[in-house]
Amino acid sequence: MLEKLKIIFAKQFIWLIIAIIFAFPLALIPMVLIQNFITDYNDFINRIDNQVVILYFIFVVVSFVGLLLIRFMSTLIKILFKTKAP
């Protein structure tokens, strides 16, 4: 029983590390979209007081939470399909 818990914990920890690693490049997608869709990018940067790094890290956190939600939902779907209806 303890070995099974260790395996589950190890899998979840690896998924956490992978989600952190993937969150950084995924956060670049909204940054590029902002750069392409805003007509006056320099004015936008001046309005947010040149805090692009903070905006990037906000997108990193949102990407990380999104990846965790995807993992959670996929696990729920797997559990749902493993159970058999009476």
N, C-alpha and C. Protein backbone atom coordinates (compact mmCIF):
# COMPACT_ATOMS: atom_id res chain seq x y z
N MET A 1 0.83 -1.20 0.00
CA MET A 1 0.00 0.00 0.00
C MET A 1 0.87 1.26 0.00
N LEU A 2 1.93 1.25 0.81
CA LEU A 2 2.82 2.41 0.88
C LEU A 2 3.57 2.61 -0.43
N GLU A 3 3.93 1.49 -1.08
CA GLU A 3 4.62 1.59 -2.37
C GLU A 3 3.72 2.23 -3.42
N LYS A 4 2.44 1.89 -3.38
CA LYS A 4 1.50 2.47 -4.35
C LYS A 4 1.35 3.96 -4.12
N LEU A 5 1.34 4.39 -2.86
CA LEU A 5 1.26 5.82 -2.56
C LEU A 5 2.52 6.55 -3.02
N LYS A 6 3.66 5.92 -2.86
CA LYS A 6 4.91 6.53 -3.32
C LYS A 6 4.90 6.70 -4.84
N ILE A 7 4.39 5.71 -5.55
CA ILE A 7 4.34 5.80 -7.00
C ILE A 7 3.38 6.91 -7.43
N ILE A 8 2.23 7.00 -6.78
CA ILE A 8 1.27 8.06 -7.10
C ILE A 8 1.86 9.43 -6.80
N PHE A 9 2.52 9.57 -5.66
CA PHE A 9 3.15 10.84 -5.31
C PHE A 9 4.24 11.22 -6.31
N ALA A 10 5.03 10.24 -6.73
CA ALA A 10 6.11 10.50 -7.68
C ALA A 10 5.54 10.95 -9.03
N LYS A 11 4.46 10.30 -9.48
CA LYS A 11 3.84 10.69 -10.75
C LYS A 11 3.30 12.11 -10.68
N GLN A 12 2.64 12.44 -9.58
CA GLN A 12 2.08 13.78 -9.44
C GLN A 12 3.18 14.83 -9.33
N PHE A 13 4.27 14.50 -8.68
CA PHE A 13 5.39 15.44 -8.56
C PHE A 13 6.04 15.67 -9.92
N ILE A 14 6.20 14.62 -10.70
CA ILE A 14 6.77 14.77 -12.05
C ILE A 14 5.84 15.62 -12.90
N TRP A 15 4.53 15.40 -12.78
CA TRP A 15 3.58 16.21 -13.55
C TRP A 15 3.66 17.68 -13.13
N LEU A 16 3.85 17.94 -11.86
CA LEU A 16 3.98 19.30 -11.37
C LEU A 16 5.22 19.98 -11.98
N ILE A 17 6.32 19.27 -12.01
CA ILE A 17 7.55 19.82 -12.60
C ILE A 17 7.36 20.07 -14.10
N ILE A 18 6.72 19.14 -14.80
CA ILE A 18 6.48 19.30 -16.23
C ILE A 18 5.56 20.49 -16.48
N ALA A 19 4.54 20.66 -15.64
CA ALA A 19 3.62 21.79 -15.80
C ALA A 19 4.34 23.12 -15.58
N ILE A 20 5.24 23.16 -14.61
CA ILE A 20 6.02 24.39 -14.39
C ILE A 20 6.90 24.69 -15.60
N ILE A 21 7.54 23.67 -16.15
CA ILE A 21 8.42 23.87 -17.31
C ILE A 21 7.62 24.32 -18.52
N PHE A 22 6.46 23.71 -18.76
CA PHE A 22 5.64 24.07 -19.93
C PHE A 22 4.93 25.40 -19.77
N ALA A 23 4.75 25.87 -18.55
CA ALA A 23 4.03 27.12 -18.33
C ALA A 23 4.81 28.32 -18.88
N PHE A 24 6.12 28.27 -18.82
CA PHE A 24 6.92 29.41 -19.28
C PHE A 24 6.81 29.62 -20.80
N PRO A 25 6.99 28.59 -21.63
CA PRO A 25 6.81 28.86 -23.06
C PRO A 25 5.35 29.12 -23.45
N LEU A 26 4.42 28.50 -22.75
CA LEU A 26 3.00 28.75 -23.05
C LEU A 26 2.60 30.18 -22.73
N ALA A 27 3.25 30.80 -21.79
CA ALA A 27 2.94 32.19 -21.45
C ALA A 27 3.40 33.16 -22.53
N LEU A 28 4.27 32.71 -23.40
CA LEU A 28 4.71 33.58 -24.50
C LEU A 28 3.62 33.76 -25.55
N ILE A 29 2.70 32.82 -25.65
CA ILE A 29 1.64 32.90 -26.66
C ILE A 29 0.76 34.13 -26.43
N PRO A 30 0.22 34.36 -25.21
CA PRO A 30 -0.56 35.59 -25.03
C PRO A 30 0.27 36.86 -25.17
N MET A 31 1.56 36.78 -24.84
CA MET A 31 2.41 37.96 -25.02
C MET A 31 2.53 38.32 -26.50
N VAL A 32 2.70 37.32 -27.35
CA VAL A 32 2.79 37.56 -28.78
C VAL A 32 1.44 38.06 -29.31
N LEU A 33 0.36 37.48 -28.81
CA LEU A 33 -0.97 37.92 -29.24
C LEU A 33 -1.21 39.38 -28.85
N ILE A 34 -0.80 39.76 -27.67
CA ILE A 34 -0.94 41.16 -27.26
C ILE A 34 -0.13 42.06 -28.17
N GLN A 35 1.08 41.64 -28.47
CA GLN A 35 1.95 42.45 -29.32
C GLN A 35 1.37 42.59 -30.73
N ASN A 36 0.74 41.54 -31.24
CA ASN A 36 0.21 41.58 -32.60
C ASN A 36 -1.14 42.28 -32.70
N PHE A 37 -1.97 42.18 -31.68
CA PHE A 37 -3.32 42.71 -31.78
C PHE A 37 -3.48 44.13 -31.27
N ILE A 38 -2.54 44.61 -30.49
CA ILE A 38 -2.63 45.99 -30.01
C ILE A 38 -2.01 46.88 -31.07
N THR A 39 -2.78 47.89 -31.47
CA THR A 39 -2.31 48.73 -32.58
C THR A 39 -1.12 49.60 -32.18
N ASP A 40 -1.18 50.21 -31.00
CA ASP A 40 -0.08 51.06 -30.56
C ASP A 40 0.60 50.38 -29.37
N TYR A 41 1.55 49.50 -29.69
CA TYR A 41 2.20 48.69 -28.65
C TYR A 41 3.02 49.56 -27.71
N ASN A 42 3.70 50.58 -28.21
CA ASN A 42 4.50 51.45 -27.35
C ASN A 42 3.64 52.21 -26.36
N ASP A 43 2.47 52.65 -26.79
CA ASP A 43 1.54 53.32 -25.88
C ASP A 43 1.04 52.35 -24.80
N PHE A 44 0.78 51.11 -25.20
CA PHE A 44 0.35 50.09 -24.24
C PHE A 44 1.43 49.85 -23.18
N ILE A 45 2.68 49.75 -23.62
CA ILE A 45 3.79 49.53 -22.68
C ILE A 45 3.92 50.72 -21.73
N ASN A 46 3.74 51.92 -22.24
CA ASN A 46 3.81 53.10 -21.37
C ASN A 46 2.65 53.13 -20.38
N ARG A 47 1.47 52.68 -20.80
CA ARG A 47 0.32 52.68 -19.89
C ARG A 47 0.47 51.67 -18.77
N ILE A 48 1.14 50.56 -19.03
CA ILE A 48 1.34 49.59 -17.95
C ILE A 48 2.68 49.82 -17.24
N ASP A 49 3.27 50.97 -17.47
CA ASP A 49 4.50 51.40 -16.80
C ASP A 49 5.66 50.43 -16.99
N ASN A 50 5.81 49.93 -18.21
CA ASN A 50 6.93 49.05 -18.56
C ASN A 50 7.04 47.82 -17.66
N GLN A 51 5.93 47.31 -17.19
CA GLN A 51 5.95 46.12 -16.32
C GLN A 51 5.57 44.88 -17.11
N VAL A 52 6.27 44.67 -18.19
CA VAL A 52 6.01 43.52 -19.05
C VAL A 52 6.37 42.22 -18.35
N VAL A 53 7.39 42.25 -17.52
CA VAL A 53 7.81 41.05 -16.80
C VAL A 53 6.70 40.58 -15.86
N ILE A 54 6.05 41.51 -15.19
CA ILE A 54 4.94 41.14 -14.30
C ILE A 54 3.80 40.56 -15.11
N LEU A 55 3.51 41.15 -16.26
CA LEU A 55 2.47 40.62 -17.15
C LEU A 55 2.83 39.21 -17.61
N TYR A 56 4.10 38.99 -17.93
CA TYR A 56 4.56 37.66 -18.35
C TYR A 56 4.37 36.65 -17.22
N PHE A 57 4.74 37.00 -16.00
CA PHE A 57 4.60 36.06 -14.90
C PHE A 57 3.14 35.81 -14.54
N ILE A 58 2.28 36.77 -14.78
CA ILE A 58 0.84 36.53 -14.62
C ILE A 58 0.39 35.48 -15.63
N PHE A 59 0.85 35.61 -16.86
CA PHE A 59 0.51 34.61 -17.88
C PHE A 59 1.12 33.25 -17.55
N VAL A 60 2.30 33.22 -16.92
CA VAL A 60 2.91 31.96 -16.51
C VAL A 60 2.03 31.28 -15.47
N VAL A 61 1.55 32.04 -14.49
CA VAL A 61 0.69 31.47 -13.45
C VAL A 61 -0.61 30.96 -14.05
N VAL A 62 -1.19 31.74 -14.95
CA VAL A 62 -2.44 31.32 -15.60
C VAL A 62 -2.21 30.05 -16.42
N SER A 63 -1.11 29.96 -17.12
CA SER A 63 -0.79 28.76 -17.90
C SER A 63 -0.58 27.56 -16.99
N PHE A 64 0.11 27.77 -15.88
CA PHE A 64 0.36 26.69 -14.93
C PHE A 64 -0.95 26.17 -14.35
N VAL A 65 -1.83 27.07 -13.93
CA VAL A 65 -3.12 26.65 -13.38
C VAL A 65 -3.95 25.95 -14.46
N GLY A 66 -3.88 26.45 -15.68
CA GLY A 66 -4.60 25.80 -16.77
C GLY A 66 -4.11 24.39 -17.03
N LEU A 67 -2.80 24.20 -16.99
CA LEU A 67 -2.24 22.85 -17.18
C LEU A 67 -2.67 21.93 -16.05
N LEU A 68 -2.68 22.43 -14.83
CA LEU A 68 -3.12 21.60 -13.71
C LEU A 68 -4.60 21.24 -13.82
N LEU A 69 -5.41 22.18 -14.29
CA LEU A 69 -6.84 21.90 -14.48
C LEU A 69 -7.05 20.86 -15.58
N ILE A 70 -6.25 20.94 -16.64
CA ILE A 70 -6.35 19.93 -17.70
C ILE A 70 -5.99 18.56 -17.16
N ARG A 71 -4.94 18.50 -16.36
CA ARG A 71 -4.53 17.21 -15.75
C ARG A 71 -5.63 16.68 -14.82
N PHE A 72 -6.21 17.56 -14.03
CA PHE A 72 -7.27 17.17 -13.11
C PHE A 72 -8.48 16.65 -13.88
N MET A 73 -8.87 17.36 -14.94
CA MET A 73 -10.03 16.94 -15.72
C MET A 73 -9.76 15.62 -16.45
N SER A 74 -8.57 15.43 -16.97
CA SER A 74 -8.26 14.17 -17.64
C SER A 74 -8.28 13.00 -16.66
N THR A 75 -7.81 13.23 -15.44
CA THR A 75 -7.86 12.20 -14.42
C THR A 75 -9.30 11.88 -14.05
N LEU A 76 -10.14 12.90 -13.93
CA LEU A 76 -11.55 12.66 -13.64
C LEU A 76 -12.23 11.87 -14.75
N ILE A 77 -11.91 12.17 -15.99
CA ILE A 77 -12.51 11.45 -17.11
C ILE A 77 -12.05 9.99 -17.11
N LYS A 78 -10.78 9.76 -16.82
CA LYS A 78 -10.29 8.38 -16.74
C LYS A 78 -11.02 7.62 -15.64
N ILE A 79 -11.19 8.24 -14.50
CA ILE A 79 -11.89 7.57 -13.39
C ILE A 79 -13.34 7.32 -13.76
N LEU A 80 -13.95 8.28 -14.43
CA LEU A 80 -15.36 8.14 -14.80
C LEU A 80 -15.56 6.99 -15.77
N PHE A 81 -14.66 6.80 -16.73
CA PHE A 81 -14.81 5.73 -17.69
C PHE A 81 -14.38 4.37 -17.15
N LYS A 82 -13.60 4.35 -16.09
CA LYS A 82 -13.21 3.08 -15.48
C LYS A 82 -14.36 2.49 -14.66
N THR A 83 -15.20 3.34 -14.08
CA THR A 83 -16.32 2.83 -13.29
C THR A 83 -17.40 2.29 -14.21
N LYS A 84 -18.01 1.22 -13.79
CA LYS A 84 -19.04 0.60 -14.61
C LYS A 84 -20.41 0.91 -14.02
N ALA A 85 -21.32 1.22 -14.90
CA ALA A 85 -22.68 1.52 -14.45
C ALA A 85 -23.36 0.21 -14.02
N PRO A 86 -24.17 0.28 -12.96
CA PRO A 86 -24.84 -0.95 -12.50
C PRO A 86 -25.97 -1.37 -13.42
